[in-house]
Each structure stands twice: as structure tokens, then as C-alpha cells.
């Protein structure tokens, strides 16, 4: 019974995310009401607030789910850092329209919140140095990715993965 509840909850959350992205094609996020969103998703207002505090939280959730789904499709491939980097940039390229819409409507913070969840710290307690290296890399990679998207993804995913691996390697050197 519990598994069914989890599946139903995930379906409702994804429906709300899809509804929000569709509404954002019509008008800015700030002008979309929770009532409009829940009506389009065919859920109650309480359902929205049971799972999300804000519309931005919902955007972060749906982006994270899209990334997980994208990476799950590639799970059988060898996951070295370079290939993972290519997949990372391929994901952004494949969701270019959504990310561009979010950037144009000044919702980069929702993207960044999802982004930090993509790369969350391991469950173990990292040293202070490891924690700061992680955030240095996360913010740098985010900035690089946003610039790449804003410039129209002119470089290939392979070029971006190579560049970022070089930058990350430099940051990790003592």
C-alpha cells in the first residue's frame, strides 16, 4: 500500500510541474496563481502546499526529476567523469527551451536550487576544505552552464565537459 501512495504522490507532483511549465509558456511565473496551477494540474490547493512552499520549489523539483529521468536512461553506460559531463551538458541542451524560459523570466534561482540537489554532498561529513571545494565547483559549474545556455549552446557537450573537467581538476589541486 505504501508503494502505491509514493507512486501517486510522485505522479501528482509531476502533474503540477508539467502544469506549471505549460502555464509559464502563456505568462510569467509571478502572474501565475496557485489556484490556476492546481486547477490545471487537477489537484487541490492543499496538495500543492503539502509538497511545495513556493512555485520556485516546484520548478526545482521538476528540473531535478527531469535530470534523474534523463540520467536513468543512460545508467547502463560507463559512468566516467568525462561521459557524465557530456550527459550533463546534453541534458541542458535537450531542455534548452525550458531553461531559456526560466532564465528569461529571471528564475535562475529555481534552476540553481535543482542544480545543487543534482550535486548534493555525500551523506558522510566532508571536511571543511572538501565542503568549500564542492561549493566552489558547484557555483563555478552553474555559472559556466548558465553562460553556455545564454550564448545558445554554441560549444558541443563534449567541449564543455572537457573544459569543465579541466577547471574542476585545477580547483581540486592542492
Protein backbone atom coordinates (compact mmCIF):
# COMPACT_ATOMS: atom_id res chain seq x y z
CA UNK A 1 0.00 0.00 0.00
CA UNK A 2 2.83 2.43 0.87
CA UNK A 3 4.47 1.98 -2.56
CA UNK A 4 1.22 2.93 -4.26
CA UNK A 5 0.98 6.08 -2.15
CA UNK A 6 4.54 7.07 -3.10
CA UNK A 7 3.81 6.48 -6.80
CA UNK A 8 0.60 8.52 -6.55
CA UNK A 9 2.41 11.34 -4.75
CA UNK A 10 5.15 11.43 -7.39
CA UNK A 11 2.55 11.45 -10.16
CA UNK A 12 0.71 14.38 -8.54
CA UNK A 13 3.95 16.34 -8.13
CA UNK A 14 4.96 15.71 -11.74
CA UNK A 15 1.47 16.75 -12.91
CA UNK A 16 1.83 20.01 -11.01
CA UNK A 17 5.27 20.56 -12.54
CA UNK A 18 4.00 19.92 -16.05
CA UNK A 19 1.04 22.24 -15.48
CA UNK A 20 3.33 24.99 -14.22
CA UNK A 21 5.67 24.72 -17.20
CA UNK A 22 2.67 24.88 -19.56
CA UNK A 23 1.29 27.95 -17.80
CA UNK A 24 4.70 29.61 -17.97
CA UNK A 25 4.51 29.46 -21.76
CA UNK A 26 1.47 31.73 -21.51
CA UNK A 27 2.57 34.20 -18.83
CA UNK A 28 5.32 34.98 -16.31
CA UNK A 29 5.67 32.86 -13.19
CA UNK A 30 4.86 35.82 -10.94
CA UNK A 31 1.44 36.19 -12.58
CA UNK A 32 0.52 32.51 -12.24
CA UNK A 33 -1.62 31.88 -9.18
CA UNK A 34 -1.62 28.72 -7.12
CA UNK A 35 -5.32 28.41 -7.95
CA UNK A 36 -4.59 28.43 -11.71
CA UNK A 37 -1.81 25.92 -11.25
CA UNK A 38 -3.79 23.49 -9.12
CA UNK A 39 -6.80 23.73 -11.42
CA UNK A 40 -4.66 22.94 -14.47
CA UNK A 41 -2.99 20.05 -12.62
CA UNK A 42 -6.37 18.83 -11.31
CA UNK A 43 -5.22 18.83 -7.69
CA UNK A 44 -6.31 20.70 -4.61
CA UNK A 45 -4.55 23.73 -3.19
CA UNK A 46 -3.68 21.74 -0.06
CA UNK A 47 -1.93 19.15 -2.23
CA UNK A 48 0.34 21.83 -3.63
CA UNK A 49 1.26 23.17 -0.19
CA UNK A 50 1.69 19.67 1.22
CA UNK A 51 4.64 19.20 -1.13
CA UNK A 52 5.94 22.68 -2.01
CA UNK A 53 6.31 26.02 -0.29
CA UNK A 54 6.57 28.05 -3.49
CA UNK A 55 6.21 27.79 -7.26
CA UNK A 56 10.01 28.05 -7.44
CA UNK A 57 10.29 24.91 -5.28
CA UNK A 58 8.05 23.13 -7.78
CA UNK A 59 10.27 24.26 -10.66
CA UNK A 60 13.35 22.97 -8.84
CA UNK A 61 11.60 19.67 -8.21
CA UNK A 62 10.53 19.18 -11.83
CA UNK A 63 14.01 20.04 -13.16
CA UNK A 64 15.58 17.56 -10.74
CA UNK A 65 13.11 14.87 -11.81
CA UNK A 66 13.80 15.57 -15.47
CA UNK A 67 17.54 15.22 -14.80
CA UNK A 68 17.07 11.97 -12.87
CA UNK A 69 14.92 10.54 -15.68
CA UNK A 70 17.48 11.64 -18.27
CA UNK A 71 20.36 10.03 -16.37
CA UNK A 72 18.37 6.86 -15.63
CA UNK A 73 18.05 6.31 -19.39
CA UNK A 74 21.85 6.36 -19.58
CA UNK A 75 22.56 4.29 -16.48
CA UNK A 76 23.86 1.29 -18.42
CA UNK A 77 26.69 3.32 -19.93
CA UNK A 78 30.10 3.51 -18.30
CA UNK A 79 29.92 6.50 -15.97
CA UNK A 80 33.38 8.02 -16.08
CA UNK A 81 33.64 11.73 -15.30
CA UNK A 82 34.01 12.77 -18.94
CA UNK A 83 30.97 10.81 -20.13
CA UNK A 84 28.95 12.02 -17.15
CA UNK A 85 29.97 15.58 -18.06
CA UNK A 86 28.81 15.06 -21.63
CA UNK A 87 25.47 13.72 -20.38
CA UNK A 88 25.17 16.70 -18.03
CA UNK A 89 25.54 19.18 -20.89
CA UNK A 90 23.40 17.05 -23.22
CA UNK A 91 20.63 17.25 -20.61
CA UNK A 92 20.81 21.04 -20.58
CA UNK A 93 20.86 21.10 -24.37
CA UNK A 94 17.81 18.80 -24.52
CA UNK A 95 15.92 21.05 -22.09
CA UNK A 96 17.21 24.28 -23.63
CA UNK A 97 13.73 25.76 -24.18
CA UNK A 98 12.69 25.23 -20.56
CA UNK A 99 15.93 26.59 -19.15
CA UNK A 100 15.90 29.56 -21.51
CA UNK A 101 12.33 30.36 -20.47
CA UNK A 102 13.38 30.22 -16.81
CA UNK A 103 16.42 32.41 -17.45
CA UNK A 104 14.40 34.95 -19.43
CA UNK A 105 11.84 35.16 -16.61
CA UNK A 106 14.62 35.62 -14.04
CA UNK A 107 14.08 32.26 -12.36
CA UNK A 108 17.72 31.17 -12.28
CA UNK A 109 17.42 30.63 -8.53
CA UNK A 110 14.96 27.77 -9.11
CA UNK A 111 17.42 26.27 -11.59
CA UNK A 112 20.25 26.67 -9.10
CA UNK A 113 18.30 25.01 -6.29
CA UNK A 114 17.68 21.98 -8.50
CA UNK A 115 21.29 22.11 -9.61
CA UNK A 116 22.61 21.94 -6.04
CA UNK A 117 20.39 18.93 -5.46
CA UNK A 118 21.86 17.24 -8.56
CA UNK A 119 25.25 17.51 -6.93
CA UNK A 120 24.37 17.22 -3.25
CA UNK A 121 27.16 16.49 -0.81
CA UNK A 122 27.64 12.85 0.13
CA UNK A 123 25.94 11.59 3.28
CA UNK A 124 29.32 11.47 5.06
CA UNK A 125 30.60 14.57 6.81
CA UNK A 126 33.07 16.25 4.46
CA UNK A 127 35.97 18.20 5.86
CA UNK A 128 35.67 21.97 5.81
CA UNK A 129 38.07 22.09 2.87
CA UNK A 130 36.07 19.48 0.91
CA UNK A 131 32.85 21.39 1.57
CA UNK A 132 34.28 24.65 0.24
CA UNK A 133 35.80 22.92 -2.78
CA UNK A 134 32.39 21.41 -3.52
CA UNK A 135 30.65 24.79 -3.39
CA UNK A 136 33.41 26.45 -5.39
CA UNK A 137 32.99 23.84 -8.12
CA UNK A 138 29.17 23.84 -7.93
CA UNK A 139 28.86 27.60 -8.28
CA UNK A 140 31.52 27.76 -10.99
CA UNK A 141 29.91 24.95 -12.97
CA UNK A 142 26.49 26.56 -12.59
CA UNK A 143 27.78 29.91 -13.83
CA UNK A 144 29.52 28.21 -16.75
CA UNK A 145 26.36 26.28 -17.65
CA UNK A 146 24.15 29.38 -17.47
CA UNK A 147 26.57 31.34 -19.69
CA UNK A 148 26.63 28.43 -22.17
CA UNK A 149 22.82 28.38 -22.27
CA UNK A 150 22.56 32.16 -22.61
CA UNK A 151 25.03 32.03 -25.52
CA UNK A 152 22.88 29.42 -27.30
CA UNK A 153 24.93 26.28 -26.54
CA UNK A 154 27.42 27.04 -29.31
CA UNK A 155 30.07 24.68 -27.96
CA UNK A 156 29.39 20.94 -28.07
CA UNK A 157 28.62 18.96 -24.94
CA UNK A 158 31.99 17.24 -25.37
CA UNK A 159 33.83 20.58 -25.49
CA UNK A 160 32.02 21.81 -22.39
CA UNK A 161 32.67 18.57 -20.48
CA UNK A 162 36.38 18.75 -21.34
CA UNK A 163 36.63 22.41 -20.33
CA UNK A 164 34.80 21.87 -17.04
CA UNK A 165 36.84 18.78 -16.14
CA UNK A 166 39.99 20.85 -16.66
CA UNK A 167 38.62 23.62 -14.44
CA UNK A 168 37.50 21.17 -11.75
CA UNK A 169 40.86 19.42 -11.83
CA UNK A 170 42.58 22.78 -11.30
CA UNK A 171 40.27 23.60 -8.38
CA UNK A 172 40.95 20.27 -6.67
CA UNK A 173 44.73 20.57 -6.85
CA UNK A 174 46.31 21.47 -3.57
